Amino acid sequence: FFFLMIRRPPRSTQSRSSAASDVYKRQDLKCMKRVLRRLGFISKDEIVQLKGKVACEISASDEIIVTEIMFAGILNEMEPNEIAALLSCLLYTSPSPRDS
């Protein structure tokens, strides 16, 4: 019996590790919500605002940066070729197996 207790890790260690991980995840989520609130993507009641809805529709780039560019009116003052050049810089491309 004593030998089995030594070989098997105590359950309390595993649960403490899991609890610590949950605390960090909650803190990260709280910080993310704060950023979204300050940028106007969600309200103080955590309701998704227009900027948040627009960001949800963007899937080819950094949603927050593109949404901020759009709402700041930066694209309104640009020519189509300039808009294409700017947005092409923001596209995400995953590394191909050949790059490894």
C-alpha atoms as a PDB file:
ATOM      1  CA  PHE A   1       0.000   0.000   0.000  1.00  0.00           C
ATOM      2  CA  PHE A   2       2.763   2.461   0.932  1.00  0.00           C
ATOM      3  CA  PHE A   3       4.661   1.630  -2.276  1.00  0.00           C
ATOM      4  CA  LEU A   4       1.597   2.415  -4.410  1.00  0.00           C
ATOM      5  CA  MET A   5       1.164   5.769  -2.718  1.00  0.00           C
ATOM      6  CA  ILE A   6       4.712   6.819  -3.581  1.00  0.00           C
ATOM      7  CA  ARG A   7       4.520   5.860  -7.254  1.00  0.00           C
ATOM      8  CA  ARG A   8       1.182   7.484  -8.014  1.00  0.00           C
ATOM      9  CA  PRO A   9       1.146  11.312  -7.957  1.00  0.00           C
ATOM     10  CA  PRO A  10      -1.283  12.701  -5.424  1.00  0.00           C
ATOM     11  CA  ARG A  11      -4.541  13.904  -6.878  1.00  0.00           C
ATOM     12  CA  SER A  12      -4.343  17.146  -4.975  1.00  0.00           C
ATOM     13  CA  THR A  13      -1.202  18.173  -6.929  1.00  0.00           C
ATOM     14  CA  GLN A  14      -2.997  17.670 -10.216  1.00  0.00           C
ATOM     15  CA  SER A  15      -6.045  19.590  -9.059  1.00  0.00           C
ATOM     16  CA  ARG A  16      -3.871  22.460  -7.755  1.00  0.00           C
ATOM     17  CA  SER A  17      -2.119  22.657 -11.108  1.00  0.00           C
ATOM     18  CA  SER A  18      -5.467  22.722 -12.906  1.00  0.00           C
ATOM     19  CA  ALA A  19      -6.809  25.388 -10.543  1.00  0.00           C
ATOM     20  CA  ALA A  20      -3.733  27.570 -11.123  1.00  0.00           C
ATOM     21  CA  SER A  21      -4.187  27.193 -14.879  1.00  0.00           C
ATOM     22  CA  ASP A  22      -7.839  28.228 -14.552  1.00  0.00           C
ATOM     23  CA  VAL A  23      -6.838  31.346 -12.616  1.00  0.00           C
ATOM     24  CA  TYR A  24      -4.403  32.379 -15.350  1.00  0.00           C
ATOM     25  CA  LYS A  25      -7.020  31.755 -18.041  1.00  0.00           C
ATOM     26  CA  ARG A  26      -9.560  33.857 -16.157  1.00  0.00           C
ATOM     27  CA  GLN A  27      -7.039  36.685 -15.781  1.00  0.00           C
ATOM     28  CA  ASP A  28      -6.215  36.538 -19.508  1.00  0.00           C
ATOM     29  CA  LEU A  29      -9.898  36.628 -20.389  1.00  0.00           C
ATOM     30  CA  LYS A  30     -10.443  39.600 -18.074  1.00  0.00           C
ATOM     31  CA  CYS A  31      -7.585  41.500 -19.755  1.00  0.00           C
ATOM     32  CA  MET A  32      -8.901  40.663 -23.233  1.00  0.00           C
ATOM     33  CA  LYS A  33     -12.366  41.915 -22.299  1.00  0.00           C
ATOM     34  CA  ARG A  34     -10.848  45.135 -20.947  1.00  0.00           C
ATOM     35  CA  VAL A  35      -9.055  45.769 -24.252  1.00  0.00           C
ATOM     36  CA  LEU A  36     -12.193  45.054 -26.274  1.00  0.00           C
ATOM     37  CA  ARG A  37     -14.207  47.370 -24.025  1.00  0.00           C
ATOM     38  CA  ARG A  38     -11.673  50.211 -24.310  1.00  0.00           C
ATOM     39  CA  LEU A  39     -11.603  49.894 -28.110  1.00  0.00           C
ATOM     40  CA  GLY A  40     -15.404  49.892 -28.302  1.00  0.00           C
ATOM     41  CA  PHE A  41     -15.844  46.324 -29.533  1.00  0.00           C
ATOM     42  CA  ILE A  42     -18.035  45.442 -26.546  1.00  0.00           C
ATOM     43  CA  SER A  43     -20.020  47.557 -24.104  1.00  0.00           C
ATOM     44  CA  LYS A  44     -19.443  47.672 -20.361  1.00  0.00           C
ATOM     45  CA  ASP A  45     -22.239  45.069 -20.131  1.00  0.00           C
ATOM     46  CA  GLU A  46     -20.232  42.854 -22.532  1.00  0.00           C
ATOM     47  CA  ILE A  47     -22.673  43.326 -25.411  1.00  0.00           C
ATOM     48  CA  VAL A  48     -21.016  43.139 -28.829  1.00  0.00           C
ATOM     49  CA  GLN A  49     -21.090  46.538 -30.544  1.00  0.00           C
ATOM     50  CA  LEU A  50     -20.902  47.388 -34.281  1.00  0.00           C
ATOM     51  CA  LYS A  51     -17.088  47.331 -34.277  1.00  0.00           C
ATOM     52  CA  GLY A  52     -17.166  43.896 -32.681  1.00  0.00           C
ATOM     53  CA  LYS A  53     -19.630  42.601 -35.247  1.00  0.00           C
ATOM     54  CA  VAL A  54     -17.457  43.916 -38.083  1.00  0.00           C
ATOM     55  CA  ALA A  55     -14.365  42.304 -36.556  1.00  0.00           C
ATOM     56  CA  CYS A  56     -16.197  38.977 -36.356  1.00  0.00           C
ATOM     57  CA  GLU A  57     -16.692  39.032 -40.134  1.00  0.00           C
ATOM     58  CA  ILE A  58     -12.985  39.519 -40.872  1.00  0.00           C
ATOM     59  CA  SER A  59     -11.156  36.221 -41.117  1.00  0.00           C
ATOM     60  CA  ALA A  60      -8.167  36.807 -43.398  1.00  0.00           C
ATOM     61  CA  SER A  61      -6.158  39.136 -41.193  1.00  0.00           C
ATOM     62  CA  ASP A  62      -5.789  40.717 -37.766  1.00  0.00           C
ATOM     63  CA  GLU A  63      -9.423  41.545 -37.070  1.00  0.00           C
ATOM     64  CA  ILE A  64      -8.802  44.299 -34.540  1.00  0.00           C
ATOM     65  CA  ILE A  65      -6.255  46.202 -36.651  1.00  0.00           C
ATOM     66  CA  VAL A  66      -8.371  46.048 -39.819  1.00  0.00           C
ATOM     67  CA  THR A  67     -11.496  47.146 -37.940  1.00  0.00           C
ATOM     68  CA  GLU A  68      -9.639  50.065 -36.345  1.00  0.00           C
ATOM     69  CA  ILE A  69      -8.330  51.139 -39.789  1.00  0.00           C
ATOM     70  CA  MET A  70     -11.850  50.990 -41.223  1.00  0.00           C
ATOM     71  CA  PHE A  71     -13.505  52.908 -38.389  1.00  0.00           C
ATOM     72  CA  ALA A  72     -10.747  55.539 -38.298  1.00  0.00           C
ATOM     73  CA  GLY A  73     -11.610  56.408 -41.913  1.00  0.00           C
ATOM     74  CA  ILE A  74      -8.098  55.737 -43.154  1.00  0.00           C
ATOM     75  CA  LEU A  75      -9.376  53.802 -46.167  1.00  0.00           C
ATOM     76  CA  ASN A  76     -11.679  56.678 -47.202  1.00  0.00           C
ATOM     77  CA  GLU A  77      -8.726  58.858 -48.140  1.00  0.00           C
ATOM     78  CA  MET A  78      -6.884  56.206 -50.142  1.00  0.00           C
ATOM     79  CA  GLU A  79      -6.935  55.138 -53.786  1.00  0.00           C
ATOM     80  CA  PRO A  80      -8.021  51.560 -54.541  1.00  0.00           C
ATOM     81  CA  ASN A  81      -4.465  50.460 -55.350  1.00  0.00           C
ATOM     82  CA  GLU A  82      -3.261  51.928 -52.033  1.00  0.00           C
ATOM     83  CA  ILE A  83      -6.033  50.118 -50.146  1.00  0.00           C
ATOM     84  CA  ALA A  84      -5.075  46.853 -51.830  1.00  0.00           C
ATOM     85  CA  ALA A  85      -1.407  47.393 -50.933  1.00  0.00           C
ATOM     86  CA  LEU A  86      -2.229  48.192 -47.297  1.00  0.00           C
ATOM     87  CA  LEU A  87      -4.557  45.248 -46.840  1.00  0.00           C
ATOM     88  CA  SER A  88      -2.157  42.866 -48.567  1.00  0.00           C
ATOM     89  CA  CYS A  89       0.365  43.663 -45.823  1.00  0.00           C
ATOM     90  CA  LEU A  90      -2.117  42.475 -43.219  1.00  0.00           C
ATOM     91  CA  LEU A  91      -2.924  39.087 -44.765  1.00  0.00           C
ATOM     92  CA  TYR A  92      -1.845  36.079 -42.783  1.00  0.00           C
ATOM     93  CA  THR A  93      -0.077  33.330 -44.669  1.00  0.00           C
ATOM     94  CA  SER A  94       0.829  30.153 -42.899  1.00  0.00           C
ATOM     95  CA  PRO A  95       4.291  28.765 -43.542  1.00  0.00           C
ATOM     96  CA  SER A  96       4.369  26.076 -46.200  1.00  0.00           C
ATOM     97  CA  PRO A  97       6.060  22.730 -45.573  1.00  0.00           C
ATOM     98  CA  ARG A  98       8.831  23.829 -47.957  1.00  0.00           C
ATOM     99  CA  ASP A  99       9.754  26.717 -45.603  1.00  0.00           C
ATOM    100  CA  SER A 100      10.652  24.299 -42.797  1.00  0.00           C
END
